Amino acid sequence: MPLKTISSNELNINQKINIKYICPFWGQEHAEANIFINNVIENNFQGIEIHLPESKIFIDSFIKRINDVYNKNIDFAFIPQQLTNPENEKVEVYIKKVKNKLLELTTYQPTFINSHTGKDYYSFDDNCRVIEACMNISSKTGVKILHETHRGRFSFHTTSLIPYLEKFPEIELTGDFSHFCTVSESLLNDQQHFLEKIIPHISYIHARIGHEQAPQVNDPFAPEWKNHLAQFKQWWNKILVHNIKQGKKDFMICTEFGPTPYMPCLPYTQQPVSNQWQTNIKMKKYLQENFKEITS
């Protein structure tokens, strides 16, 4: 059975939450830092999530502009990603890479870091070592590190994720259920009891609609995806209500629809079948409308 959507009528009348909508840099790599950040602000996003490129010129320009935005709006969110290139490496080498990247990202004073953590083929103990390394850096630097539910990481599947949550009850997750659906080839109808254990750990949402065969539909508002959109909205509602009941005043959602190869394309021409930027804007407006009863 799908999780039930809960409205403000079922909460205390004073229980509301402020949602900040975050814009992904993913898919906008062609844009200059200043132009991208200006577009984000003009379209009423309240923050940015970004996998910073290797270019020092871009990083310097991006951080300078972000600091300018901070000076005008201290609530603007800057969320860098920890994401390493896939290599055949022993866990000791991988941990060193992750630690170096996290330490670099903490110097930029982000709101928090969204980490692609571990590997699906590492043992439970090895992935625990990776998680412990991340937690130690977070403790030492004061920068919160969230771990995204993602294919290829320790968090790739609902069932296999549970033992990590039991070992690290304090762990916080970025919830992207599109990956769970693709890995399980389902809308998780038989896994709701696992989601109930995962939801209390989710502190940030990636609001992308996936399906049984891929982590992103071509257009979430096309009629053929009506049931998928409704199911994902119910999951997100459940996450928000849990956070409200925990006394949280603020929550962040990144729309996070991506470019090719996440975005389906036409054969030969490789033309995307819908406009990624416009989809992210439309999803933000959809969520603002559909969660207005529980938002302050």
Protein backbone atom coordinates (compact mmCIF):
# COMPACT_ATOMS: atom_id res chain seq x y z
CA MET A 1 0.00 0.00 0.00
CA PRO A 2 1.31 3.53 -0.74
CA LEU A 3 2.17 5.76 2.17
CA LYS A 4 -0.68 8.04 3.10
CA THR A 5 -0.35 11.75 2.36
CA ILE A 6 -0.73 13.79 5.54
CA SER A 7 -2.08 17.32 5.49
CA SER A 8 -1.80 20.16 7.95
CA ASN A 9 -5.20 19.17 9.36
CA GLU A 10 -3.56 16.08 10.87
CA LEU A 11 -0.76 18.12 12.42
CA ASN A 12 -0.88 20.68 15.17
CA ILE A 13 -2.02 23.94 13.56
CA ASN A 14 1.28 25.55 14.57
CA GLN A 15 3.37 22.78 13.05
CA LYS A 16 4.70 24.05 9.73
CA ILE A 17 8.03 23.90 7.95
CA ASN A 18 9.91 26.32 5.72
CA ILE A 19 11.09 24.65 2.51
CA LYS A 20 14.07 25.99 0.61
CA TYR A 21 14.21 24.88 -3.01
CA ILE A 22 17.69 24.09 -4.30
CA CYS A 23 18.78 24.28 -7.94
CA PRO A 24 21.17 21.67 -9.36
CA PHE A 25 24.23 22.83 -11.29
CA TRP A 26 24.17 19.42 -12.98
CA GLY A 27 23.35 19.98 -16.64
CA GLN A 28 24.43 23.62 -16.58
CA GLU A 29 28.17 22.98 -16.83
CA HIS A 30 28.31 25.10 -19.99
CA ALA A 31 27.34 28.23 -18.05
CA GLU A 32 29.74 30.65 -16.43
CA ALA A 33 29.52 30.70 -12.64
CA ASN A 34 28.09 34.23 -12.41
CA ILE A 35 25.50 33.62 -15.12
CA PHE A 36 24.34 30.36 -13.54
CA ILE A 37 24.03 31.84 -10.04
CA ASN A 38 22.14 34.84 -11.40
CA ASN A 39 19.70 32.47 -13.18
CA VAL A 40 19.20 30.54 -9.94
CA ILE A 41 18.32 33.70 -8.02
CA GLU A 42 16.11 35.09 -10.79
CA ASN A 43 14.09 31.87 -10.78
CA ASN A 44 13.55 32.06 -7.01
CA PHE A 45 15.64 29.09 -5.93
CA GLN A 46 17.12 29.49 -2.45
CA GLY A 47 20.32 27.58 -2.98
CA ILE A 48 22.58 25.54 -5.23
CA GLU A 49 23.86 21.97 -5.24
CA ILE A 50 27.01 21.48 -7.29
CA HIS A 51 29.71 18.98 -8.13
CA LEU A 52 32.52 21.50 -8.43
CA PRO A 53 34.58 21.01 -11.60
CA GLU A 54 38.36 20.76 -11.57
CA SER A 55 38.81 24.24 -13.04
CA LYS A 56 40.36 26.54 -10.45
CA ILE A 57 39.19 29.53 -12.47
CA PHE A 58 35.58 28.35 -12.23
CA ILE A 59 35.84 27.50 -8.54
CA ASP A 60 37.35 30.88 -7.66
CA SER A 61 34.66 32.69 -9.62
CA PHE A 62 31.89 30.53 -8.16
CA ILE A 63 33.00 30.90 -4.52
CA LYS A 64 33.47 34.66 -4.91
CA ARG A 65 29.93 35.04 -6.28
CA ILE A 66 28.49 32.73 -3.62
CA ASN A 67 30.13 34.85 -0.92
CA ASP A 68 28.59 37.96 -2.49
CA VAL A 69 25.17 36.27 -2.33
CA TYR A 70 25.77 35.26 1.31
CA ASN A 71 26.48 38.88 2.21
CA LYS A 72 23.03 39.84 0.91
CA ASN A 73 21.16 36.69 1.97
CA ILE A 74 22.70 34.66 4.77
CA ASP A 75 20.05 31.95 4.30
CA PHE A 76 21.16 31.08 0.76
CA ALA A 77 22.28 27.42 0.66
CA PHE A 78 25.50 26.15 -0.92
CA ILE A 79 25.68 22.34 -1.11
CA PRO A 80 28.77 20.83 -2.78
CA GLN A 81 28.89 17.17 -3.70
CA GLN A 82 31.54 14.66 -2.73
CA LEU A 83 31.80 12.44 -5.78
CA THR A 84 34.90 10.49 -6.80
CA ASN A 85 35.62 8.96 -10.20
CA PRO A 86 34.95 5.20 -10.26
CA GLU A 87 38.19 3.25 -10.08
CA ASN A 88 39.19 -0.27 -9.12
CA GLU A 89 40.71 0.64 -5.78
CA LYS A 90 41.11 -0.89 -2.36
CA VAL A 91 39.10 0.67 0.41
CA GLU A 92 42.19 2.30 1.97
CA VAL A 93 42.88 4.22 -1.25
CA TYR A 94 39.24 5.15 -1.63
CA ILE A 95 38.99 6.44 1.94
CA LYS A 96 42.03 8.64 1.41
CA LYS A 97 40.48 10.13 -1.75
CA VAL A 98 37.17 10.77 -0.02
CA LYS A 99 38.82 12.38 3.01
CA ASN A 100 40.92 14.69 0.82
CA LYS A 101 37.86 15.76 -1.16
CA LEU A 102 35.74 16.33 1.92
CA LEU A 103 38.45 18.37 3.61
CA GLU A 104 38.77 20.50 0.48
CA LEU A 105 35.01 21.08 0.35
CA THR A 106 34.82 22.06 4.02
CA THR A 107 37.19 24.98 3.35
CA TYR A 108 34.46 26.60 1.24
CA GLN A 109 32.18 26.79 4.31
CA PRO A 110 29.20 25.04 2.71
CA THR A 111 25.75 24.70 4.23
CA PHE A 112 26.43 20.95 4.23
CA ILE A 113 28.03 18.38 1.91
CA ASN A 114 26.05 15.81 -0.08
CA SER A 115 28.25 12.73 -0.29
CA HIS A 116 28.19 9.79 -2.70
CA THR A 117 29.60 7.41 -0.13
CA GLY A 118 31.11 3.95 -0.39
CA LYS A 119 30.61 1.32 -3.06
CA ASP A 120 27.93 -1.29 -3.53
CA TYR A 121 30.54 -4.06 -3.87
CA TYR A 122 32.52 -3.16 -0.75
CA SER A 123 31.87 -5.33 2.26
CA PHE A 124 29.69 -4.05 5.08
CA ASP A 125 32.77 -3.52 7.26
CA ASP A 126 34.64 -1.62 4.54
CA ASN A 127 31.69 0.67 3.86
CA CYS A 128 31.43 1.27 7.62
CA ARG A 129 35.06 2.40 7.58
CA VAL A 130 34.20 4.89 4.84
CA ILE A 131 31.20 6.20 6.77
CA GLU A 132 33.28 6.51 9.96
CA ALA A 133 35.92 8.53 8.07
CA CYS A 134 33.19 10.90 6.85
CA MET A 135 31.74 11.26 10.33
CA ASN A 136 35.16 12.02 11.81
CA ILE A 137 35.70 14.83 9.31
CA SER A 138 32.25 16.20 10.02
CA SER A 139 32.95 16.14 13.75
CA LYS A 140 36.33 17.85 13.38
CA THR A 141 35.24 20.55 10.92
CA GLY A 142 31.67 21.18 12.08
CA VAL A 143 30.39 20.69 8.52
CA LYS A 144 27.43 18.33 8.25
CA ILE A 145 27.84 15.48 5.73
CA LEU A 146 24.75 13.78 4.30
CA HIS A 147 24.93 10.49 2.40
CA GLU A 148 22.83 10.17 -0.73
CA THR A 149 20.75 7.06 -1.39
CA HIS A 150 22.23 6.16 -4.74
CA ARG A 151 23.01 3.25 -7.03
CA GLY A 152 26.60 2.10 -6.74
CA ARG A 153 26.99 3.36 -3.15
CA PHE A 154 26.54 1.71 0.24
CA SER A 155 22.98 3.06 0.19
CA PHE A 156 21.86 1.54 -3.13
CA HIS A 157 18.97 -0.60 -1.86
CA THR A 158 16.40 -0.30 0.91
CA THR A 159 17.07 -3.66 2.56
CA SER A 160 20.86 -3.51 2.47
CA LEU A 161 20.77 0.05 3.82
CA ILE A 162 19.03 -0.92 7.07
CA PRO A 163 22.09 -2.51 8.78
CA TYR A 164 24.05 0.73 8.28
CA LEU A 165 21.24 2.73 9.89
CA GLU A 166 21.27 0.35 12.83
CA LYS A 167 25.05 0.68 13.24
CA PHE A 168 25.00 4.47 12.75
CA PRO A 169 21.67 5.66 14.18
CA GLU A 170 22.83 9.27 13.91
CA ILE A 171 23.47 9.08 10.16
CA GLU A 172 21.65 11.60 7.93
CA LEU A 173 20.66 10.84 4.35
CA THR A 174 19.83 12.64 1.15
CA GLY A 175 16.70 10.84 0.01
CA ASP A 176 16.60 10.01 -3.69
CA PHE A 177 14.12 7.17 -4.02
CA SER A 178 14.46 7.04 -7.81
CA HIS A 179 17.52 4.82 -7.32
CA PHE A 180 15.66 2.41 -5.04
CA CYS A 181 12.94 2.05 -7.69
CA THR A 182 15.40 1.31 -10.48
CA VAL A 183 17.45 -1.17 -8.45
CA SER A 184 14.29 -3.00 -7.35
CA GLU A 185 12.46 -2.64 -10.68
CA SER A 186 9.37 -1.51 -8.79
CA LEU A 187 7.62 1.36 -7.07
CA LEU A 188 8.60 -0.33 -3.81
CA ASN A 189 5.06 -1.47 -3.04
CA ASP A 190 6.47 -4.45 -1.16
CA GLN A 191 9.16 -2.42 0.63
CA GLN A 192 7.16 0.19 2.53
CA HIS A 193 8.21 -1.24 5.90
CA PHE A 194 11.84 -0.63 4.95
CA LEU A 195 11.07 2.93 3.87
CA GLU A 196 9.48 3.54 7.27
CA LYS A 197 12.88 2.82 8.83
CA ILE A 198 14.77 4.94 6.30
CA ILE A 199 12.57 8.05 6.31
CA PRO A 200 13.56 9.22 9.85
CA HIS A 201 17.16 9.56 8.61
CA ILE A 202 16.36 11.73 5.59
CA SER A 203 17.32 15.38 6.07
CA TYR A 204 17.29 16.50 2.43
CA ILE A 205 15.33 15.43 -0.66
CA HIS A 206 16.29 15.01 -4.29
CA ALA A 207 12.90 15.44 -5.92
CA ARG A 208 13.48 13.57 -9.14
CA ILE A 209 10.92 11.09 -10.45
CA GLY A 210 12.37 7.76 -11.46
CA HIS A 211 10.70 4.56 -12.61
CA GLU A 212 11.19 0.83 -12.68
CA GLN A 213 13.76 0.90 -15.49
CA ALA A 214 15.61 4.19 -15.05
CA PRO A 215 16.25 6.90 -12.43
CA GLN A 216 14.53 9.67 -14.42
CA VAL A 217 11.32 9.86 -16.41
CA ASN A 218 11.28 11.90 -19.60
CA ASP A 219 8.77 14.42 -18.24
CA PRO A 220 7.30 13.99 -14.73
CA PHE A 221 4.16 15.88 -15.72
CA ALA A 222 3.29 13.75 -18.74
CA PRO A 223 0.06 11.79 -18.16
CA GLU A 224 1.78 8.42 -18.45
CA TRP A 225 3.76 9.19 -15.27
CA LYS A 226 0.79 10.32 -13.20
CA ASN A 227 0.95 7.38 -10.78
CA HIS A 228 4.71 7.71 -10.36
CA LEU A 229 4.45 11.41 -9.59
CA ALA A 230 1.73 10.72 -7.01
CA GLN A 231 3.77 7.99 -5.32
CA PHE A 232 6.92 10.10 -5.06
CA LYS A 233 4.91 13.04 -3.73
CA GLN A 234 3.51 10.78 -1.00
CA TRP A 235 7.02 9.72 0.00
CA TRP A 236 8.22 13.32 0.13
CA ASN A 237 5.18 14.34 2.14
CA LYS A 238 5.93 11.59 4.63
CA ILE A 239 9.52 12.84 4.99
CA LEU A 240 8.40 16.42 5.53
CA VAL A 241 5.77 15.43 8.11
CA HIS A 242 8.34 13.39 10.03
CA ASN A 243 10.67 16.39 10.14
CA ILE A 244 7.85 18.66 11.26
CA LYS A 245 6.97 16.28 14.08
CA GLN A 246 10.64 16.31 15.11
CA GLY A 247 10.43 20.07 15.51
CA LYS A 248 12.43 21.00 12.41
CA LYS A 249 11.72 24.50 11.17
CA ASP A 250 13.54 24.32 7.84
CA PHE A 251 14.01 21.71 5.13
CA MET A 252 15.66 21.70 1.69
CA ILE A 253 14.55 20.06 -1.53
CA CYS A 254 16.62 19.92 -4.71
CA THR A 255 14.58 19.34 -7.86
CA GLU A 256 17.61 17.53 -9.42
CA PHE A 257 16.38 16.55 -12.86
CA GLY A 258 19.49 15.88 -14.90
CA PRO A 259 20.79 16.01 -18.46
CA THR A 260 21.67 13.08 -20.71
CA PRO A 261 22.17 10.20 -19.99
CA TYR A 262 19.58 10.62 -17.20
CA MET A 263 17.42 12.60 -19.59
CA PRO A 264 16.08 10.30 -22.33
CA CYS A 265 17.24 11.35 -25.82
CA LEU A 266 16.26 10.68 -29.41
CA PRO A 267 18.41 8.14 -31.24
CA TYR A 268 21.17 9.34 -33.57
CA THR A 269 20.68 13.06 -32.85
CA GLN A 270 20.91 12.63 -29.06
CA GLN A 271 18.46 15.48 -28.66
CA PRO A 272 16.86 15.51 -25.18
CA VAL A 273 13.14 14.79 -25.27
CA SER A 274 12.32 17.56 -22.77
CA ASN A 275 13.90 20.71 -21.37
CA GLN A 276 15.85 19.93 -18.20
CA TRP A 277 16.02 23.52 -16.91
CA GLN A 278 12.30 24.08 -17.40
CA THR A 279 11.50 20.74 -15.75
CA ASN A 280 13.41 21.79 -12.62
CA ILE A 281 11.56 25.09 -12.49
CA LYS A 282 8.20 23.39 -13.06
CA MET A 283 8.90 20.82 -10.33
CA LYS A 284 9.73 23.59 -7.87
CA LYS A 285 6.40 25.29 -8.60
CA TYR A 286 4.55 21.97 -8.37
CA LEU A 287 6.00 21.24 -4.93
CA GLN A 288 5.35 24.76 -3.69
CA GLU A 289 1.70 24.36 -4.63
CA ASN A 290 1.28 20.82 -3.31
CA PHE A 291 3.03 21.34 0.02
CA LYS A 292 1.59 24.76 0.82
CA GLU A 293 -0.65 23.31 3.58
CA ILE A 294 2.37 22.21 5.64
CA THR A 295 4.78 25.05 4.82
CA SER A 296 5.19 28.30 6.65
